[in-house]
Amino acid sequence: MKIFTFKTRLSVKIRKIEKEFNTVTKQQIHNKEHISILRYGAYDVDPKYLVIWIITQSDKVRDDLKNNEVLKKLLREKFYYVDYPECSINDVK
């Protein structure tokens, strides 16, 4: 039962992270291009196996986001904000 509770709490945290990523990323896009947030991985086995993709409509926006160090820092902070397991945060991609 304890594992099920952990998975449920982790799923809630990941959904919050996705919402936060969406909000923060949209604030960084100047032309308001549509983005999608996709998650995958074996995070139910270990939280460090979470992968989150930010999908853009254009290569230019993708490259702008990829090179935006402020955005990367803001997104990484969201894991702390939702109390994601701290020992896994640096391994999340």
PDB file of N, CA and C in Angstrom:
ATOM      1  N   MET A   1       0.807  -1.187   0.000  1.00  0.00           N
ATOM      2  CA  MET A   1       0.000   0.000   0.000  1.00  0.00           C
ATOM      3  C   MET A   1       0.863   1.268   0.000  1.00  0.00           C
ATOM      4  N   LYS A   2       2.014   1.211   0.673  1.00  0.00           N
ATOM      5  CA  LYS A   2       2.893   2.363   0.759  1.00  0.00           C
ATOM      6  C   LYS A   2       3.429   2.760  -0.618  1.00  0.00           C
ATOM      7  N   ILE A   3       3.753   1.793  -1.465  1.00  0.00           N
ATOM      8  CA  ILE A   3       4.252   2.072  -2.808  1.00  0.00           C
ATOM      9  C   ILE A   3       3.177   2.766  -3.627  1.00  0.00           C
ATOM     10  N   PHE A   4       1.942   2.308  -3.530  1.00  0.00           N
ATOM     11  CA  PHE A   4       0.846   2.921  -4.269  1.00  0.00           C
ATOM     12  C   PHE A   4       0.670   4.383  -3.848  1.00  0.00           C
ATOM     13  N   THR A   5       0.752   4.662  -2.565  1.00  0.00           N
ATOM     14  CA  THR A   5       0.626   6.027  -2.064  1.00  0.00           C
ATOM     15  C   THR A   5       1.758   6.896  -2.608  1.00  0.00           C
ATOM     16  N   PHE A   6       2.981   6.367  -2.639  1.00  0.00           N
ATOM     17  CA  PHE A   6       4.115   7.100  -3.174  1.00  0.00           C
ATOM     18  C   PHE A   6       3.901   7.435  -4.648  1.00  0.00           C
ATOM     19  N   LYS A   7       3.439   6.449  -5.438  1.00  0.00           N
ATOM     20  CA  LYS A   7       3.200   6.673  -6.862  1.00  0.00           C
ATOM     21  C   LYS A   7       2.120   7.724  -7.079  1.00  0.00           C
ATOM     22  N   THR A   8       1.076   7.677  -6.269  1.00  0.00           N
ATOM     23  CA  THR A   8      -0.005   8.652  -6.400  1.00  0.00           C
ATOM     24  C   THR A   8       0.510  10.052  -6.087  1.00  0.00           C
ATOM     25  N   ARG A   9       1.237  10.195  -4.999  1.00  0.00           N
ATOM     26  CA  ARG A   9       1.783  11.518  -4.639  1.00  0.00           C
ATOM     27  C   ARG A   9       2.767  12.008  -5.693  1.00  0.00           C
ATOM     28  N   LEU A  10       3.570  11.102  -6.231  1.00  0.00           N
ATOM     29  CA  LEU A  10       4.533  11.473  -7.258  1.00  0.00           C
ATOM     30  C   LEU A  10       3.807  11.928  -8.527  1.00  0.00           C
ATOM     31  N   SER A  11       2.736  11.247  -8.902  1.00  0.00           N
ATOM     32  CA  SER A  11       1.963  11.634 -10.084  1.00  0.00           C
ATOM     33  C   SER A  11       1.367  13.030  -9.926  1.00  0.00           C
ATOM     34  N   VAL A  12       0.887  13.332  -8.748  1.00  0.00           N
ATOM     35  CA  VAL A  12       0.341  14.668  -8.478  1.00  0.00           C
ATOM     36  C   VAL A  12       1.434  15.719  -8.625  1.00  0.00           C
ATOM     37  N   LYS A  13       2.604  15.439  -8.098  1.00  0.00           N
ATOM     38  CA  LYS A  13       3.725  16.373  -8.194  1.00  0.00           C
ATOM     39  C   LYS A  13       4.142  16.587  -9.645  1.00  0.00           C
ATOM     40  N   ILE A  14       4.160  15.524 -10.418  1.00  0.00           N
ATOM     41  CA  ILE A  14       4.562  15.625 -11.822  1.00  0.00           C
ATOM     42  C   ILE A  14       3.542  16.443 -12.606  1.00  0.00           C
ATOM     43  N   ARG A  15       2.265  16.261 -12.336  1.00  0.00           N
ATOM     44  CA  ARG A  15       1.237  17.069 -13.007  1.00  0.00           C
ATOM     45  C   ARG A  15       1.421  18.558 -12.663  1.00  0.00           C
ATOM     46  N   LYS A  16       1.749  18.856 -11.419  1.00  0.00           N
ATOM     47  CA  LYS A  16       2.008  20.241 -11.021  1.00  0.00           C
ATOM     48  C   LYS A  16       3.232  20.784 -11.756  1.00  0.00           C
ATOM     49  N   ILE A  17       4.257  19.966 -11.865  1.00  0.00           N
ATOM     50  CA  ILE A  17       5.466  20.379 -12.579  1.00  0.00           C
ATOM     51  C   ILE A  17       5.135  20.692 -14.034  1.00  0.00           C
ATOM     52  N   GLU A  18       4.331  19.844 -14.663  1.00  0.00           N
ATOM     53  CA  GLU A  18       3.946  20.074 -16.061  1.00  0.00           C
ATOM     54  C   GLU A  18       3.225  21.414 -16.210  1.00  0.00           C
ATOM     55  N   LYS A  19       2.309  21.698 -15.310  1.00  0.00           N
ATOM     56  CA  LYS A  19       1.586  22.978 -15.360  1.00  0.00           C
ATOM     57  C   LYS A  19       2.549  24.149 -15.186  1.00  0.00           C
ATOM     58  N   GLU A  20       3.439  24.020 -14.226  1.00  0.00           N
ATOM     59  CA  GLU A  20       4.422  25.077 -13.978  1.00  0.00           C
ATOM     60  C   GLU A  20       5.341  25.266 -15.187  1.00  0.00           C
ATOM     61  N   PHE A  21       5.794  24.175 -15.782  1.00  0.00           N
ATOM     62  CA  PHE A  21       6.642  24.249 -16.976  1.00  0.00           C
ATOM     63  C   PHE A  21       5.910  24.981 -18.094  1.00  0.00           C
ATOM     64  N   ASN A  22       4.657  24.643 -18.277  1.00  0.00           N
ATOM     65  CA  ASN A  22       3.855  25.265 -19.332  1.00  0.00           C
ATOM     66  C   ASN A  22       3.757  26.774 -19.108  1.00  0.00           C
ATOM     67  N   THR A  23       3.449  27.164 -17.895  1.00  0.00           N
ATOM     68  CA  THR A  23       3.297  28.584 -17.572  1.00  0.00           C
ATOM     69  C   THR A  23       4.606  29.339 -17.751  1.00  0.00           C
ATOM     70  N   VAL A  24       5.664  28.832 -17.153  1.00  0.00           N
ATOM     71  CA  VAL A  24       6.961  29.517 -17.203  1.00  0.00           C
ATOM     72  C   VAL A  24       7.495  29.582 -18.630  1.00  0.00           C
ATOM     73  N   THR A  25       7.366  28.507 -19.375  1.00  0.00           N
ATOM     74  CA  THR A  25       7.884  28.466 -20.744  1.00  0.00           C
ATOM     75  C   THR A  25       7.122  29.445 -21.637  1.00  0.00           C
ATOM     76  N   LYS A  26       5.810  29.487 -21.509  1.00  0.00           N
ATOM     77  CA  LYS A  26       5.021  30.422 -22.326  1.00  0.00           C
ATOM     78  C   LYS A  26       5.402  31.868 -22.051  1.00  0.00           C
ATOM     79  N   GLN A  27       5.799  32.162 -20.832  1.00  0.00           N
ATOM     80  CA  GLN A  27       6.222  33.524 -20.501  1.00  0.00           C
ATOM     81  C   GLN A  27       7.534  33.885 -21.201  1.00  0.00           C
ATOM     82  N   GLN A  28       8.320  32.892 -21.559  1.00  0.00           N
ATOM     83  CA  GLN A  28       9.615  33.133 -22.194  1.00  0.00           C
ATOM     84  C   GLN A  28       9.534  33.194 -23.718  1.00  0.00           C
ATOM     85  N   ILE A  29       8.392  32.816 -24.281  1.00  0.00           N
ATOM     86  CA  ILE A  29       8.225  32.816 -25.737  1.00  0.00           C
ATOM     87  C   ILE A  29       7.611  34.150 -26.149  1.00  0.00           C
ATOM     88  N   HIS A  30       8.300  34.866 -26.982  1.00  0.00           N
ATOM     89  CA  HIS A  30       7.849  36.215 -27.348  1.00  0.00           C
ATOM     90  C   HIS A  30       6.732  36.208 -28.386  1.00  0.00           C
ATOM     91  N   ASN A  31       6.684  35.217 -29.241  1.00  0.00           N
ATOM     92  CA  ASN A  31       5.644  35.206 -30.276  1.00  0.00           C
ATOM     93  C   ASN A  31       4.425  34.369 -29.878  1.00  0.00           C
ATOM     94  N   LYS A  32       4.399  33.887 -28.648  1.00  0.00           N
ATOM     95  CA  LYS A  32       3.261  33.125 -28.097  1.00  0.00           C
ATOM     96  C   LYS A  32       2.931  31.878 -28.914  1.00  0.00           C
ATOM     97  N   GLU A  33       3.949  31.276 -29.478  1.00  0.00           N
ATOM     98  CA  GLU A  33       3.797  30.007 -30.194  1.00  0.00           C
ATOM     99  C   GLU A  33       3.276  28.930 -29.239  1.00  0.00           C
ATOM    100  N   HIS A  34       2.479  28.032 -29.754  1.00  0.00           N
ATOM    101  CA  HIS A  34       1.934  26.931 -28.951  1.00  0.00           C
ATOM    102  C   HIS A  34       3.060  25.963 -28.566  1.00  0.00           C
ATOM    103  N   ILE A  35       3.019  25.516 -27.339  1.00  0.00           N
ATOM    104  CA  ILE A  35       3.950  24.487 -26.879  1.00  0.00           C
ATOM    105  C   ILE A  35       3.159  23.355 -26.232  1.00  0.00           C
ATOM    106  N   SER A  36       3.787  22.212 -26.151  1.00  0.00           N
ATOM    107  CA  SER A  36       3.217  21.070 -25.445  1.00  0.00           C
ATOM    108  C   SER A  36       4.275  20.529 -24.495  1.00  0.00           C
ATOM    109  N   ILE A  37       3.814  20.014 -23.374  1.00  0.00           N
ATOM    110  CA  ILE A  37       4.711  19.403 -22.396  1.00  0.00           C
ATOM    111  C   ILE A  37       4.442  17.906 -22.412  1.00  0.00           C
ATOM    112  N   LEU A  38       5.487  17.114 -22.596  1.00  0.00           N
ATOM    113  CA  LEU A  38       5.366  15.661 -22.651  1.00  0.00           C
ATOM    114  C   LEU A  38       6.281  15.063 -21.589  1.00  0.00           C
ATOM    115  N   ARG A  39       5.764  14.117 -20.855  1.00  0.00           N
ATOM    116  CA  ARG A  39       6.593  13.429 -19.862  1.00  0.00           C
ATOM    117  C   ARG A  39       6.606  11.940 -20.168  1.00  0.00           C
ATOM    118  N   TYR A  40       7.703  11.331 -19.860  1.00  0.00           N
ATOM    119  CA  TYR A  40       7.801   9.879 -19.978  1.00  0.00           C
ATOM    120  C   TYR A  40       8.940   9.395 -19.098  1.00  0.00           C
ATOM    121  N   GLY A  41       9.126   8.118 -19.066  1.00  0.00           N
ATOM    122  CA  GLY A  41      10.198   7.538 -18.274  1.00  0.00           C
ATOM    123  C   GLY A  41       9.666   6.573 -17.236  1.00  0.00           C
ATOM    124  N   ALA A  42      10.576   5.932 -16.565  1.00  0.00           N
ATOM    125  CA  ALA A  42      10.224   4.947 -15.534  1.00  0.00           C
ATOM    126  C   ALA A  42      10.271   5.604 -14.159  1.00  0.00           C
ATOM    127  N   TYR A  43       9.647   6.783 -14.050  1.00  0.00           N
ATOM    128  CA  TYR A  43       9.663   7.523 -12.786  1.00  0.00           C
ATOM    129  C   TYR A  43       8.911   6.804 -11.684  1.00  0.00           C
ATOM    130  N   ASP A  44       8.056   5.839 -12.046  1.00  0.00           N
ATOM    131  CA  ASP A  44       7.381   5.047 -11.012  1.00  0.00           C
ATOM    132  C   ASP A  44       8.337   4.019 -10.399  1.00  0.00           C
ATOM    133  N   VAL A  45       9.419   3.696 -11.123  1.00  0.00           N
ATOM    134  CA  VAL A  45      10.461   2.815 -10.589  1.00  0.00           C
ATOM    135  C   VAL A  45      11.403   3.630  -9.702  1.00  0.00           C
ATOM    136  N   ASP A  46      11.827   4.779 -10.238  1.00  0.00           N
ATOM    137  CA  ASP A  46      12.683   5.695  -9.486  1.00  0.00           C
ATOM    138  C   ASP A  46      12.421   7.102 -10.035  1.00  0.00           C
ATOM    139  N   PRO A  47      12.140   8.071  -9.190  1.00  0.00           N
ATOM    140  CA  PRO A  47      11.818   9.420  -9.649  1.00  0.00           C
ATOM    141  C   PRO A  47      12.893  10.064 -10.528  1.00  0.00           C
ATOM    142  N   LYS A  48      14.127   9.596 -10.450  1.00  0.00           N
ATOM    143  CA  LYS A  48      15.188  10.184 -11.268  1.00  0.00           C
ATOM    144  C   LYS A  48      15.028   9.841 -12.753  1.00  0.00           C
ATOM    145  N   TYR A  49      14.178   8.881 -13.070  1.00  0.00           N
ATOM    146  CA  TYR A  49      13.988   8.473 -14.464  1.00  0.00           C
ATOM    147  C   TYR A  49      12.900   9.265 -15.175  1.00  0.00           C
ATOM    148  N   LEU A  50      12.521  10.395 -14.647  1.00  0.00           N
ATOM    149  CA  LEU A  50      11.546  11.265 -15.301  1.00  0.00           C
ATOM    150  C   LEU A  50      12.234  12.064 -16.397  1.00  0.00           C
ATOM    151  N   VAL A  51      11.577  12.152 -17.538  1.00  0.00           N
ATOM    152  CA  VAL A  51      12.041  12.975 -18.654  1.00  0.00           C
ATOM    153  C   VAL A  51      10.872  13.871 -19.049  1.00  0.00           C
ATOM    154  N   ILE A  52      11.143  15.161 -19.179  1.00  0.00           N
ATOM    155  CA  ILE A  52      10.109  16.099 -19.606  1.00  0.00           C
ATOM    156  C   ILE A  52      10.595  16.790 -20.872  1.00  0.00           C
ATOM    157  N   TRP A  53       9.769  16.737 -21.906  1.00  0.00           N
ATOM    158  CA  TRP A  53      10.068  17.413 -23.166  1.00  0.00           C
ATOM    159  C   TRP A  53       9.177  18.626 -23.295  1.00  0.00           C
ATOM    160  N   ILE A  54       9.732  19.691 -23.810  1.00  0.00           N
ATOM    161  CA  ILE A  54       8.951  20.856 -24.202  1.00  0.00           C
ATOM    162  C   ILE A  54       8.931  20.841 -25.725  1.00  0.00           C
ATOM    163  N   ILE A  55       7.755  20.629 -26.278  1.00  0.00           N
ATOM    164  CA  ILE A  55       7.613  20.488 -27.726  1.00  0.00           C
ATOM    165  C   ILE A  55       7.132  21.813 -28.300  1.00  0.00           C
ATOM    166  N   THR A  56       7.851  22.314 -29.295  1.00  0.00           N
ATOM    167  CA  THR A  56       7.524  23.593 -29.920  1.00  0.00           C
ATOM    168  C   THR A  56       7.102  23.379 -31.364  1.00  0.00           C
ATOM    169  N   GLN A  57       6.550  24.424 -31.956  1.00  0.00           N
ATOM    170  CA  GLN A  57       6.129  24.337 -33.348  1.00  0.00           C
ATOM    171  C   GLN A  57       7.259  24.678 -34.317  1.00  0.00           C
ATOM    172  N   SER A  58       8.254  25.389 -33.830  1.00  0.00           N
ATOM    173  CA  SER A  58       9.330  25.792 -34.734  1.00  0.00           C
ATOM    174  C   SER A  58      10.701  25.489 -34.121  1.00  0.00           C
ATOM    175  N   ASP A  59      11.659  25.301 -34.996  1.00  0.00           N
ATOM    176  CA  ASP A  59      13.031  25.062 -34.556  1.00  0.00           C
ATOM    177  C   ASP A  59      13.613  26.300 -33.885  1.00  0.00           C
ATOM    178  N   LYS A  60      13.215  27.468 -34.335  1.00  0.00           N
ATOM    179  CA  LYS A  60      13.738  28.698 -33.753  1.00  0.00           C
ATOM    180  C   LYS A  60      13.352  28.811 -32.281  1.00  0.00           C
ATOM    181  N   VAL A  61      12.093  28.578 -31.980  1.00  0.00           N
ATOM    182  CA  VAL A  61      11.654  28.652 -30.582  1.00  0.00           C
ATOM    183  C   VAL A  61      12.332  27.556 -29.776  1.00  0.00           C
ATOM    184  N   ARG A  62      12.443  26.365 -30.332  1.00  0.00           N
ATOM    185  CA  ARG A  62      13.142  25.271 -29.644  1.00  0.00           C
ATOM    186  C   ARG A  62      14.555  25.689 -29.279  1.00  0.00           C
ATOM    187  N   ASP A  63      15.274  26.246 -30.259  1.00  0.00           N
ATOM    188  CA  ASP A  63      16.657  26.653 -30.023  1.00  0.00           C
ATOM    189  C   ASP A  63      16.751  27.800 -29.022  1.00  0.00           C
ATOM    190  N   ASP A  64      15.815  28.739 -29.102  1.00  0.00           N
ATOM    191  CA  ASP A  64      15.802  29.851 -28.143  1.00  0.00           C
ATOM    192  C   ASP A  64      15.606  29.340 -26.720  1.00  0.00           C
ATOM    193  N   LEU A  65      14.682  28.413 -26.553  1.00  0.00           N
ATOM    194  CA  LEU A  65      14.432  27.847 -25.229  1.00  0.00           C
ATOM    195  C   LEU A  65      15.622  27.029 -24.748  1.00  0.00           C
ATOM    196  N   LYS A  66      16.191  26.274 -25.653  1.00  0.00           N
ATOM    197  CA  LYS A  66      17.327  25.415 -25.313  1.00  0.00           C
ATOM    198  C   LYS A  66      18.523  26.227 -24.813  1.00  0.00           C
ATOM    199  N   ASN A  67      18.687  27.434 -25.346  1.00  0.00           N
ATOM    200  CA  ASN A  67      19.828  28.280 -24.992  1.00  0.00           C
ATOM    201  C   ASN A  67      19.504  29.286 -23.883  1.00  0.00           C
ATOM    202  N   ASN A  68      18.323  29.216 -23.337  1.00  0.00           N
ATOM    203  CA  ASN A  68      17.883  30.171 -22.320  1.00  0.00           C
ATOM    204  C   ASN A  68      18.227  29.639 -20.925  1.00  0.00           C
ATOM    205  N   GLU A  69      19.345  30.105 -20.399  1.00  0.00           N
ATOM    206  CA  GLU A  69      19.822  29.625 -19.096  1.00  0.00           C
ATOM    207  C   GLU A  69      18.902  30.044 -17.952  1.00  0.00           C
ATOM    208  N   VAL A  70      18.294  31.211 -18.068  1.00  0.00           N
ATOM    209  CA  VAL A  70      17.348  31.672 -17.039  1.00  0.00           C
ATOM    210  C   VAL A  70      16.160  30.720 -16.981  1.00  0.00           C
ATOM    211  N   LEU A  71      15.652  30.346 -18.132  1.00  0.00           N
ATOM    212  CA  LEU A  71      14.528  29.410 -18.192  1.00  0.00           C
ATOM    213  C   LEU A  71      14.906  28.066 -17.574  1.00  0.00           C
ATOM    214  N   LYS A  72      16.058  27.559 -17.901  1.00  0.00           N
ATOM    215  CA  LYS A  72      16.505  26.277 -17.346  1.00  0.00           C
ATOM    216  C   LYS A  72      16.532  26.323 -15.823  1.00  0.00           C
ATOM    217  N   LYS A  73      17.027  27.424 -15.284  1.00  0.00           N
ATOM    218  CA  LYS A  73      17.088  27.581 -13.829  1.00  0.00           C
ATOM    219  C   LYS A  73      15.678  27.638 -13.235  1.00  0.00           C
ATOM    220  N   LEU A  74      14.800  28.403 -13.868  1.00  0.00           N
ATOM    221  CA  LEU A  74      13.416  28.505 -13.388  1.00  0.00           C
ATOM    222  C   LEU A  74      12.713  27.150 -13.407  1.00  0.00           C
ATOM    223  N   LEU A  75      12.919  26.402 -14.470  1.00  0.00           N
ATOM    224  CA  LEU A  75      12.275  25.091 -14.587  1.00  0.00           C
ATOM    225  C   LEU A  75      12.808  24.122 -13.541  1.00  0.00           C
ATOM    226  N   ARG A  76      14.103  24.121 -13.320  1.00  0.00           N
ATOM    227  CA  ARG A  76      14.701  23.230 -12.321  1.00  0.00           C
ATOM    228  C   ARG A  76      14.169  23.561 -10.926  1.00  0.00           C
ATOM    229  N   GLU A  77      13.941  24.839 -10.655  1.00  0.00           N
ATOM    230  CA  GLU A  77      13.408  25.263  -9.352  1.00  0.00           C
ATOM    231  C   GLU A  77      11.995  24.734  -9.107  1.00  0.00           C
ATOM    232  N   LYS A  78      11.267  24.477 -10.158  1.00  0.00           N
ATOM    233  CA  LYS A  78       9.887  23.989  -9.999  1.00  0.00           C
ATOM    234  C   LYS A  78       9.853  22.625  -9.318  1.00  0.00           C
ATOM    235  N   PHE A  79      10.899  21.845  -9.468  1.00  0.00           N
ATOM    236  CA  PHE A  79      10.955  20.546  -8.790  1.00  0.00           C
ATOM    237  C   PHE A  79      11.007  20.728  -7.276  1.00  0.00           C
ATOM    238  N   TYR A  80      11.746  21.726  -6.846  1.00  0.00           N
ATOM    239  CA  TYR A  80      11.810  22.033  -5.408  1.00  0.00           C
ATOM    240  C   TYR A  80      10.470  22.598  -4.931  1.00  0.00           C
ATOM    241  N   TYR A  81       9.858  23.408  -5.773  1.00  0.00           N
ATOM    242  CA  TYR A  81       8.575  24.045  -5.447  1.00  0.00           C
ATOM    243  C   TYR A  81       7.488  23.009  -5.137  1.00  0.00           C
ATOM    244  N   VAL A  82       7.466  21.904  -5.891  1.00  0.00           N
ATOM    245  CA  VAL A  82       6.432  20.875  -5.664  1.00  0.00           C
ATOM    246  C   VAL A  82       6.922  19.767  -4.734  1.00  0.00           C
ATOM    247  N   ASP A  83       8.116  19.936  -4.183  1.00  0.00           N
ATOM    248  CA  ASP A  83       8.684  18.965  -3.243  1.00  0.00           C
ATOM    249  C   ASP A  83       8.930  17.602  -3.897  1.00  0.00           C
ATOM    250  N   TYR A  84       9.491  17.647  -5.122  1.00  0.00           N
ATOM    251  CA  TYR A  84       9.897  16.417  -5.805  1.00  0.00           C
ATOM    252  C   TYR A  84      11.046  15.809  -5.008  1.00  0.00           C
ATOM    253  N   PRO A  85      11.199  14.480  -4.999  1.00  0.00           N
ATOM    254  CA  PRO A  85      12.299  13.874  -4.232  1.00  0.00           C
ATOM    255  C   PRO A  85      13.645  14.510  -4.602  1.00  0.00           C
ATOM    256  N   GLU A  86      14.221  15.202  -3.640  1.00  0.00           N
ATOM    257  CA  GLU A  86      15.394  16.030  -3.882  1.00  0.00           C
ATOM    258  C   GLU A  86      16.593  15.244  -4.421  1.00  0.00           C
ATOM    259  N   CYS A  87      16.756  14.021  -3.981  1.00  0.00           N
ATOM    260  CA  CYS A  87      17.896  13.230  -4.436  1.00  0.00           C
ATOM    261  C   CYS A  87      17.798  12.868  -5.918  1.00  0.00           C
ATOM    262  N   SER A  88      16.637  13.062  -6.522  1.00  0.00           N
ATOM    263  CA  SER A  88      16.432  12.722  -7.941  1.00  0.00           C
ATOM    264  C   SER A  88      16.441  13.915  -8.862  1.00  0.00           C
ATOM    265  N   ILE A  89      16.317  15.098  -8.334  1.00  0.00           N
ATOM    266  CA  ILE A  89      16.115  16.299  -9.175  1.00  0.00           C
ATOM    267  C   ILE A  89      17.223  16.494 -10.195  1.00  0.00           C
ATOM    268  N   ASN A  90      18.471  16.342  -9.809  1.00  0.00           N
ATOM    269  CA  ASN A  90      19.570  16.577 -10.749  1.00  0.00           C
ATOM    270  C   ASN A  90      19.656  15.528 -11.846  1.00  0.00           C
ATOM    271  N   ASP A  91      19.024  14.388 -11.663  1.00  0.00           N
ATOM    272  CA  ASP A  91      19.045  13.328 -12.672  1.00  0.00           C
ATOM    273  C   ASP A  91      17.885  13.420 -13.665  1.00  0.00           C
ATOM    274  N   VAL A  92      16.869  14.191 -13.323  1.00  0.00           N
ATOM    275  CA  VAL A  92      15.722  14.349 -14.232  1.00  0.00           C
ATOM    276  C   VAL A  92      16.196  15.084 -15.463  1.00  0.00           C
ATOM    277  N   LYS A  93      15.769  14.615 -16.614  1.00  0.00           N
ATOM    278  CA  LYS A  93      16.163  15.240 -17.892  1.00  0.00           C
ATOM    279  C   LYS A  93      15.019  16.043 -18.444  1.00  0.00           C
TER     280      LYS A  93
END
